[in-house]
Amino acid sequence: MTDTPWYYVDAGQQRQGPVPSQALRRLHAQGEIDIDTLVWRDGMSEWKALHTVTELSRPDPMHHPVHDPYAAPSSALDASSGLVDDALADRLQAYAAFVGPRFAVYRRKWRLDRAVQDANGWNWAAFLFGAFWMLYRRMYAAAAGWIAVLTALAFLETFLDASSGVSSAITLGSSAAAGALGNHLYLWHTERNIAQARASRPADTAALHADLAARGGTRWLAVVLGLVAYIGVLGGLAFLVDG
């Protein structure tokens, strides 16, 4: 019997394929695609998430698992079927409630479908906006720490009478550090809040998700207030230098 050719949408939102169903399962086992990856084959009226397609959810008796040190154990995620059990689904729902609309993006960045979460990749928002992105994501402690570091660096530059080249290098270096650490900081922030919410609401899932939604998401007001504070700090620094 000829295996059905499938198409799928990769992380870059590009169509890939055709590939046989066994190859599709193998891509899932290797972490190249996840349970929400959109798939399509001839005869389907629309693209669907992998885990909603019955014929892909059935275990493949001919499938031989590929070793993946990051893959979740079969008790949580069956790599050959693409199905998620209740425990993993509950965990993902908690992350989704906290992160909000961009959850699908951070789900990939944090490798939440695997046994061990490992934030990876570059965060352009953190690179370009630094502490303001942290404020937008309601990471107030991280933003305050980052602003303190930048302020200290600015004082150091002034004290040492650093050249414009050195100042530019410091600015670029701090931005690059924010871009490299952004996903890690946000994962830590998210997991800390989820742990706190679970401790206060251990048996009420609806209340837990409501609490996480209130704790997480985004906040433009924090960005505005942070910008005002930052301008104030710069003004104070200029006053001290001129004085």
C-alpha atoms as a PDB file:
ATOM      1  CA  MET A   1       0.000   0.000   0.000  1.00  0.00           C
ATOM      2  CA  THR A   2       1.385   3.423  -1.011  1.00  0.00           C
ATOM      3  CA  ASP A   3       1.937   5.813   1.878  1.00  0.00           C
ATOM      4  CA  THR A   4      -0.077   9.028   1.749  1.00  0.00           C
ATOM      5  CA  PRO A   5       2.000  12.088   0.759  1.00  0.00           C
ATOM      6  CA  TRP A   6       1.650  14.983   3.213  1.00  0.00           C
ATOM      7  CA  TYR A   7       2.515  18.668   3.201  1.00  0.00           C
ATOM      8  CA  TYR A   8       3.277  20.637   6.349  1.00  0.00           C
ATOM      9  CA  VAL A   9       4.058  24.216   7.421  1.00  0.00           C
ATOM     10  CA  ASP A  10       7.524  24.645   8.943  1.00  0.00           C
ATOM     11  CA  ALA A  11       8.609  27.075  11.679  1.00  0.00           C
ATOM     12  CA  GLY A  12       9.202  29.740   9.046  1.00  0.00           C
ATOM     13  CA  GLN A  13       5.592  29.426   7.848  1.00  0.00           C
ATOM     14  CA  GLN A  14       6.742  27.860   4.564  1.00  0.00           C
ATOM     15  CA  ARG A  15       5.041  24.866   2.957  1.00  0.00           C
ATOM     16  CA  GLN A  16       7.155  21.720   2.874  1.00  0.00           C
ATOM     17  CA  GLY A  17       6.563  18.337   1.237  1.00  0.00           C
ATOM     18  CA  PRO A  18       5.308  16.097  -0.015  1.00  0.00           C
ATOM     19  CA  VAL A  19       6.550  13.582   2.550  1.00  0.00           C
ATOM     20  CA  PRO A  20       5.112  10.181   3.549  1.00  0.00           C
ATOM     21  CA  SER A  21       3.326   9.873   6.886  1.00  0.00           C
ATOM     22  CA  GLN A  22       6.264   7.924   8.369  1.00  0.00           C
ATOM     23  CA  ALA A  23       8.578  10.827   7.567  1.00  0.00           C
ATOM     24  CA  LEU A  24       6.081  13.209   9.159  1.00  0.00           C
ATOM     25  CA  ARG A  25       6.064  11.120  12.340  1.00  0.00           C
ATOM     26  CA  ARG A  26       9.860  11.071  12.305  1.00  0.00           C
ATOM     27  CA  LEU A  27       9.984  14.873  12.029  1.00  0.00           C
ATOM     28  CA  HIS A  28       7.731  15.069  15.072  1.00  0.00           C
ATOM     29  CA  ALA A  29       9.869  12.606  17.020  1.00  0.00           C
ATOM     30  CA  GLN A  30      12.957  14.700  16.235  1.00  0.00           C
ATOM     31  CA  GLY A  31      11.263  17.899  17.367  1.00  0.00           C
ATOM     32  CA  GLU A  32      11.264  19.494  13.905  1.00  0.00           C
ATOM     33  CA  ILE A  33       7.478  19.851  14.044  1.00  0.00           C
ATOM     34  CA  ASP A  34       5.047  19.794  16.973  1.00  0.00           C
ATOM     35  CA  ILE A  35       1.459  18.722  17.604  1.00  0.00           C
ATOM     36  CA  ASP A  36       0.091  22.062  16.337  1.00  0.00           C
ATOM     37  CA  THR A  37       1.974  21.989  13.025  1.00  0.00           C
ATOM     38  CA  LEU A  38      -0.455  22.477  10.142  1.00  0.00           C
ATOM     39  CA  VAL A  39      -0.627  19.531   7.716  1.00  0.00           C
ATOM     40  CA  TRP A  40      -2.536  18.779   4.522  1.00  0.00           C
ATOM     41  CA  ARG A  41      -2.928  16.028   1.942  1.00  0.00           C
ATOM     42  CA  ASP A  42      -4.937  15.589  -1.207  1.00  0.00           C
ATOM     43  CA  GLY A  43      -8.609  15.176  -0.357  1.00  0.00           C
ATOM     44  CA  MET A  44      -8.606  17.458   2.708  1.00  0.00           C
ATOM     45  CA  SER A  45     -10.663  20.635   2.465  1.00  0.00           C
ATOM     46  CA  GLU A  46      -8.284  22.670   4.658  1.00  0.00           C
ATOM     47  CA  TRP A  47      -5.038  22.595   6.598  1.00  0.00           C
ATOM     48  CA  LYS A  48      -5.334  21.051  10.068  1.00  0.00           C
ATOM     49  CA  ALA A  49      -3.196  20.774  13.195  1.00  0.00           C
ATOM     50  CA  LEU A  50      -1.297  17.468  13.240  1.00  0.00           C
ATOM     51  CA  HIS A  51      -2.887  16.210  16.460  1.00  0.00           C
ATOM     52  CA  THR A  52      -6.420  16.666  15.048  1.00  0.00           C
ATOM     53  CA  VAL A  53      -5.819  14.342  12.067  1.00  0.00           C
ATOM     54  CA  THR A  54      -7.047  10.889  13.077  1.00  0.00           C
ATOM     55  CA  GLU A  55      -4.893   8.888  10.679  1.00  0.00           C
ATOM     56  CA  LEU A  56      -1.739  10.597  11.966  1.00  0.00           C
ATOM     57  CA  SER A  57      -2.788  10.167  15.605  1.00  0.00           C
ATOM     58  CA  ARG A  58      -2.933   6.379  15.314  1.00  0.00           C
ATOM     59  CA  PRO A  59       0.310   4.641  16.328  1.00  0.00           C
ATOM     60  CA  ASP A  60       2.391   3.410  13.405  1.00  0.00           C
ATOM     61  CA  PRO A  61       3.350  -0.259  13.891  1.00  0.00           C
ATOM     62  CA  MET A  62       6.207   0.142  11.417  1.00  0.00           C
ATOM     63  CA  HIS A  63       7.612   3.189  13.167  1.00  0.00           C
ATOM     64  CA  HIS A  64      10.990   2.878  14.876  1.00  0.00           C
ATOM     65  CA  PRO A  65      11.584   5.726  17.334  1.00  0.00           C
ATOM     66  CA  VAL A  66      14.509   8.001  16.676  1.00  0.00           C
ATOM     67  CA  HIS A  67      16.622   8.756  19.726  1.00  0.00           C
ATOM     68  CA  ASP A  68      16.074  12.326  20.876  1.00  0.00           C
ATOM     69  CA  PRO A  69      17.616  13.367  24.214  1.00  0.00           C
ATOM     70  CA  TYR A  70      15.130  16.223  24.499  1.00  0.00           C
ATOM     71  CA  ALA A  71      11.993  14.207  23.730  1.00  0.00           C
ATOM     72  CA  ALA A  72       9.424  13.740  26.467  1.00  0.00           C
ATOM     73  CA  PRO A  73       8.943  10.196  27.796  1.00  0.00           C
ATOM     74  CA  SER A  74       6.079   8.178  26.357  1.00  0.00           C
ATOM     75  CA  SER A  75       4.038   8.729  29.510  1.00  0.00           C
ATOM     76  CA  ALA A  76       3.748  12.411  28.583  1.00  0.00           C
ATOM     77  CA  LEU A  77       4.118  12.625  24.817  1.00  0.00           C
ATOM     78  CA  ASP A  78       3.969   9.672  22.452  1.00  0.00           C
ATOM     79  CA  ALA A  79       6.308  10.727  19.635  1.00  0.00           C
ATOM     80  CA  SER A  80       4.919   8.069  17.305  1.00  0.00           C
ATOM     81  CA  SER A  81       1.353   9.253  17.581  1.00  0.00           C
ATOM     82  CA  GLY A  82       1.587  12.992  18.173  1.00  0.00           C
ATOM     83  CA  LEU A  83      -0.922  12.813  21.026  1.00  0.00           C
ATOM     84  CA  VAL A  84      -0.613  14.743  24.257  1.00  0.00           C
ATOM     85  CA  ASP A  85      -1.750  13.253  27.537  1.00  0.00           C
ATOM     86  CA  ASP A  86      -3.726  15.097  30.203  1.00  0.00           C
ATOM     87  CA  ALA A  87      -0.688  16.080  32.293  1.00  0.00           C
ATOM     88  CA  LEU A  88       1.137  17.694  29.369  1.00  0.00           C
ATOM     89  CA  ALA A  89      -2.055  19.345  28.123  1.00  0.00           C
ATOM     90  CA  ASP A  90      -2.643  20.832  31.582  1.00  0.00           C
ATOM     91  CA  ARG A  91       0.911  22.178  31.696  1.00  0.00           C
ATOM     92  CA  LEU A  92       0.633  23.719  28.226  1.00  0.00           C
ATOM     93  CA  GLN A  93      -2.681  25.360  29.127  1.00  0.00           C
ATOM     94  CA  ALA A  94      -1.027  27.004  32.124  1.00  0.00           C
ATOM     95  CA  TYR A  95       1.736  28.445  29.945  1.00  0.00           C
ATOM     96  CA  ALA A  96      -0.819  29.548  27.337  1.00  0.00           C
ATOM     97  CA  ALA A  97      -2.938  31.328  29.960  1.00  0.00           C
ATOM     98  CA  PHE A  98       0.096  33.255  31.205  1.00  0.00           C
ATOM     99  CA  VAL A  99       1.748  34.154  27.880  1.00  0.00           C
ATOM    100  CA  GLY A 100      -1.377  35.046  25.923  1.00  0.00           C
ATOM    101  CA  PRO A 101      -1.704  35.359  22.127  1.00  0.00           C
ATOM    102  CA  ARG A 102       2.002  34.767  21.395  1.00  0.00           C
ATOM    103  CA  PHE A 103       2.021  31.417  23.181  1.00  0.00           C
ATOM    104  CA  ALA A 104       2.596  29.397  19.982  1.00  0.00           C
ATOM    105  CA  VAL A 105       5.833  31.304  19.365  1.00  0.00           C
ATOM    106  CA  TYR A 106       7.187  30.808  22.872  1.00  0.00           C
ATOM    107  CA  ARG A 107       6.014  27.202  22.905  1.00  0.00           C
ATOM    108  CA  ARG A 108       8.562  26.528  20.171  1.00  0.00           C
ATOM    109  CA  LYS A 109      11.256  28.736  21.657  1.00  0.00           C
ATOM    110  CA  TRP A 110      10.943  27.057  25.069  1.00  0.00           C
ATOM    111  CA  ARG A 111      10.513  23.507  23.677  1.00  0.00           C
ATOM    112  CA  LEU A 112       7.496  22.960  25.886  1.00  0.00           C
ATOM    113  CA  ASP A 113       6.540  19.703  24.132  1.00  0.00           C
ATOM    114  CA  ARG A 114       9.737  18.091  25.411  1.00  0.00           C
ATOM    115  CA  ALA A 115      10.597  16.619  28.768  1.00  0.00           C
ATOM    116  CA  VAL A 116      13.146  19.331  29.563  1.00  0.00           C
ATOM    117  CA  GLN A 117      12.399  22.956  28.734  1.00  0.00           C
ATOM    118  CA  ASP A 118      15.373  24.692  27.153  1.00  0.00           C
ATOM    119  CA  ALA A 119      14.864  28.271  26.022  1.00  0.00           C
ATOM    120  CA  ASN A 120      16.711  28.827  22.788  1.00  0.00           C
ATOM    121  CA  GLY A 121      16.965  31.232  19.906  1.00  0.00           C
ATOM    122  CA  TRP A 122      17.376  34.961  19.543  1.00  0.00           C
ATOM    123  CA  ASN A 123      14.770  37.409  20.830  1.00  0.00           C
ATOM    124  CA  TRP A 124      14.651  40.407  18.522  1.00  0.00           C
ATOM    125  CA  ALA A 125      12.226  42.324  20.724  1.00  0.00           C
ATOM    126  CA  ALA A 126      14.602  42.038  23.683  1.00  0.00           C
ATOM    127  CA  PHE A 127      17.560  43.027  21.474  1.00  0.00           C
ATOM    128  CA  LEU A 128      15.842  46.106  20.036  1.00  0.00           C
ATOM    129  CA  PHE A 129      13.943  47.334  23.079  1.00  0.00           C
ATOM    130  CA  GLY A 130      15.709  45.757  26.085  1.00  0.00           C
ATOM    131  CA  ALA A 131      14.097  46.800  29.361  1.00  0.00           C
ATOM    132  CA  PHE A 132      11.043  48.177  27.540  1.00  0.00           C
ATOM    133  CA  TRP A 133      10.279  44.705  26.159  1.00  0.00           C
ATOM    134  CA  MET A 134      10.663  43.334  29.686  1.00  0.00           C
ATOM    135  CA  LEU A 135       8.194  45.927  30.966  1.00  0.00           C
ATOM    136  CA  TYR A 136       5.807  45.066  28.125  1.00  0.00           C
ATOM    137  CA  ARG A 137       5.984  41.406  29.214  1.00  0.00           C
ATOM    138  CA  ARG A 138       5.489  42.526  32.846  1.00  0.00           C
ATOM    139  CA  MET A 139       8.938  41.350  33.897  1.00  0.00           C
ATOM    140  CA  TYR A 140       9.304  44.274  36.276  1.00  0.00           C
ATOM    141  CA  ALA A 141      12.161  42.938  38.404  1.00  0.00           C
ATOM    142  CA  ALA A 142      14.200  41.996  35.322  1.00  0.00           C
ATOM    143  CA  ALA A 143      13.505  45.394  33.743  1.00  0.00           C
ATOM    144  CA  ALA A 144      14.547  47.247  36.910  1.00  0.00           C
ATOM    145  CA  GLY A 145      17.747  45.221  37.086  1.00  0.00           C
ATOM    146  CA  TRP A 146      18.502  45.842  33.431  1.00  0.00           C
ATOM    147  CA  ILE A 147      17.913  49.589  33.766  1.00  0.00           C
ATOM    148  CA  ALA A 148      20.172  49.632  36.835  1.00  0.00           C
ATOM    149  CA  VAL A 149      22.949  47.920  34.886  1.00  0.00           C
ATOM    150  CA  LEU A 150      22.593  50.332  31.958  1.00  0.00           C
ATOM    151  CA  THR A 151      22.609  53.299  34.327  1.00  0.00           C
ATOM    152  CA  ALA A 152      25.751  52.010  36.033  1.00  0.00           C
ATOM    153  CA  LEU A 153      27.411  51.581  32.646  1.00  0.00           C
ATOM    154  CA  ALA A 154      26.442  55.124  31.695  1.00  0.00           C
ATOM    155  CA  PHE A 155      27.990  56.489  34.899  1.00  0.00           C
ATOM    156  CA  LEU A 156      31.123  54.436  34.225  1.00  0.00           C
ATOM    157  CA  GLU A 157      31.402  55.784  30.691  1.00  0.00           C
ATOM    158  CA  THR A 158      31.084  59.334  32.020  1.00  0.00           C
ATOM    159  CA  PHE A 159      33.593  58.747  34.809  1.00  0.00           C
ATOM    160  CA  LEU A 160      36.148  57.257  32.420  1.00  0.00           C
ATOM    161  CA  ASP A 161      35.359  59.802  29.700  1.00  0.00           C
ATOM    162  CA  ALA A 162      34.865  56.930  27.253  1.00  0.00           C
ATOM    163  CA  SER A 163      35.122  57.617  23.546  1.00  0.00           C
ATOM    164  CA  SER A 164      32.095  57.420  21.283  1.00  0.00           C
ATOM    165  CA  GLY A 165      33.415  54.135  19.878  1.00  0.00           C
ATOM    166  CA  VAL A 166      33.633  52.564  23.314  1.00  0.00           C
ATOM    167  CA  SER A 167      30.158  53.857  24.193  1.00  0.00           C
ATOM    168  CA  SER A 168      28.730  52.380  21.002  1.00  0.00           C
ATOM    169  CA  ALA A 169      30.394  49.043  21.702  1.00  0.00           C
ATOM    170  CA  ILE A 170      28.939  48.968  25.229  1.00  0.00           C
ATOM    171  CA  THR A 171      25.470  49.821  23.919  1.00  0.00           C
ATOM    172  CA  LEU A 172      25.634  47.133  21.235  1.00  0.00           C
ATOM    173  CA  GLY A 173      26.998  44.588  23.703  1.00  0.00           C
ATOM    174  CA  SER A 174      24.215  45.219  26.217  1.00  0.00           C
ATOM    175  CA  SER A 175      21.592  44.950  23.472  1.00  0.00           C
ATOM    176  CA  ALA A 176      23.102  41.672  22.251  1.00  0.00           C
ATOM    177  CA  ALA A 177      23.069  40.319  25.799  1.00  0.00           C
ATOM    178  CA  ALA A 178      19.370  41.186  26.090  1.00  0.00           C
ATOM    179  CA  GLY A 179      18.629  39.451  22.785  1.00  0.00           C
ATOM    180  CA  ALA A 180      20.523  36.317  23.808  1.00  0.00           C
ATOM    181  CA  LEU A 181      19.046  36.122  27.310  1.00  0.00           C
ATOM    182  CA  GLY A 182      15.524  37.309  26.550  1.00  0.00           C
ATOM    183  CA  ASN A 183      13.912  33.904  26.042  1.00  0.00           C
ATOM    184  CA  HIS A 184      15.641  32.488  29.121  1.00  0.00           C
ATOM    185  CA  LEU A 185      14.512  35.384  31.313  1.00  0.00           C
ATOM    186  CA  TYR A 186      10.938  35.149  30.092  1.00  0.00           C
ATOM    187  CA  LEU A 187      10.817  31.379  30.621  1.00  0.00           C
ATOM    188  CA  TRP A 188      12.138  31.795  34.170  1.00  0.00           C
ATOM    189  CA  HIS A 189       9.595  34.556  34.830  1.00  0.00           C
ATOM    190  CA  THR A 190       6.739  32.454  33.442  1.00  0.00           C
ATOM    191  CA  GLU A 191       7.632  29.300  35.379  1.00  0.00           C
ATOM    192  CA  ARG A 192       8.041  31.255  38.624  1.00  0.00           C
ATOM    193  CA  ASN A 193       4.566  32.757  38.253  1.00  0.00           C
ATOM    194  CA  ILE A 194       3.012  29.410  37.317  1.00  0.00           C
ATOM    195  CA  ALA A 195       4.562  27.820  40.417  1.00  0.00           C
ATOM    196  CA  GLN A 196       3.223  30.607  42.628  1.00  0.00           C
ATOM    197  CA  ALA A 197      -0.253  30.385  41.094  1.00  0.00           C
ATOM    198  CA  ARG A 198      -0.374  26.592  41.458  1.00  0.00           C
ATOM    199  CA  ALA A 199       0.653  26.876  45.103  1.00  0.00           C
ATOM    200  CA  SER A 200      -2.259  29.210  45.835  1.00  0.00           C
ATOM    201  CA  ARG A 201      -4.830  27.369  43.682  1.00  0.00           C
ATOM    202  CA  PRO A 202      -3.800  23.695  43.616  1.00  0.00           C
ATOM    203  CA  ALA A 203      -7.235  22.212  42.878  1.00  0.00           C
ATOM    204  CA  ASP A 204      -9.133  24.823  40.841  1.00  0.00           C
ATOM    205  CA  THR A 205      -8.051  24.803  37.196  1.00  0.00           C
ATOM    206  CA  ALA A 206     -10.390  27.593  36.096  1.00  0.00           C
ATOM    207  CA  ALA A 207      -9.218  29.862  38.924  1.00  0.00           C
ATOM    208  CA  LEU A 208      -5.603  28.957  38.176  1.00  0.00           C
ATOM    209  CA  HIS A 209      -5.908  29.978  34.530  1.00  0.00           C
ATOM    210  CA  ALA A 210      -7.697  33.190  35.480  1.00  0.00           C
ATOM    211  CA  ASP A 211      -4.940  33.996  37.962  1.00  0.00           C
ATOM    212  CA  LEU A 212      -2.241  33.295  35.363  1.00  0.00           C
ATOM    213  CA  ALA A 213      -3.995  35.465  32.774  1.00  0.00           C
ATOM    214  CA  ALA A 214      -4.104  38.296  35.330  1.00  0.00           C
ATOM    215  CA  ARG A 215      -0.430  37.850  36.194  1.00  0.00           C
ATOM    216  CA  GLY A 216       0.817  37.497  32.615  1.00  0.00           C
ATOM    217  CA  GLY A 217       0.062  38.859  29.180  1.00  0.00           C
ATOM    218  CA  THR A 218       1.349  42.301  28.234  1.00  0.00           C
ATOM    219  CA  ARG A 219       1.069  45.826  29.632  1.00  0.00           C
ATOM    220  CA  TRP A 220       1.610  48.918  27.477  1.00  0.00           C
ATOM    221  CA  LEU A 221       1.138  51.223  30.461  1.00  0.00           C
ATOM    222  CA  ALA A 222       4.259  49.738  32.035  1.00  0.00           C
ATOM    223  CA  VAL A 223       6.212  50.635  28.883  1.00  0.00           C
ATOM    224  CA  VAL A 224       5.000  54.238  29.002  1.00  0.00           C
ATOM    225  CA  LEU A 225       5.828  54.618  32.698  1.00  0.00           C
ATOM    226  CA  GLY A 226       9.208  52.975  32.129  1.00  0.00           C
ATOM    227  CA  LEU A 227       9.973  55.384  29.289  1.00  0.00           C
ATOM    228  CA  VAL A 228       9.094  58.356  31.485  1.00  0.00           C
ATOM    229  CA  ALA A 229      11.334  57.011  34.282  1.00  0.00           C
ATOM    230  CA  TYR A 230      14.180  56.371  31.831  1.00  0.00           C
ATOM    231  CA  ILE A 231      13.978  59.919  30.478  1.00  0.00           C
ATOM    232  CA  GLY A 232      14.052  61.164  34.053  1.00  0.00           C
ATOM    233  CA  VAL A 233      17.183  59.139  34.784  1.00  0.00           C
ATOM    234  CA  LEU A 234      18.896  60.461  31.659  1.00  0.00           C
ATOM    235  CA  GLY A 235      17.918  64.014  32.619  1.00  0.00           C
ATOM    236  CA  GLY A 236      19.324  63.531  36.100  1.00  0.00           C
ATOM    237  CA  LEU A 237      22.538  62.095  34.701  1.00  0.00           C
ATOM    238  CA  ALA A 238      22.920  65.043  32.322  1.00  0.00           C
ATOM    239  CA  PHE A 239      22.336  67.462  35.210  1.00  0.00           C
ATOM    240  CA  LEU A 240      25.058  65.787  37.298  1.00  0.00           C
ATOM    241  CA  VAL A 241      27.501  65.858  34.396  1.00  0.00           C
ATOM    242  CA  ASP A 242      26.830  69.511  33.576  1.00  0.00           C
ATOM    243  CA  GLY A 243      27.008  70.427  37.255  1.00  0.00           C
END
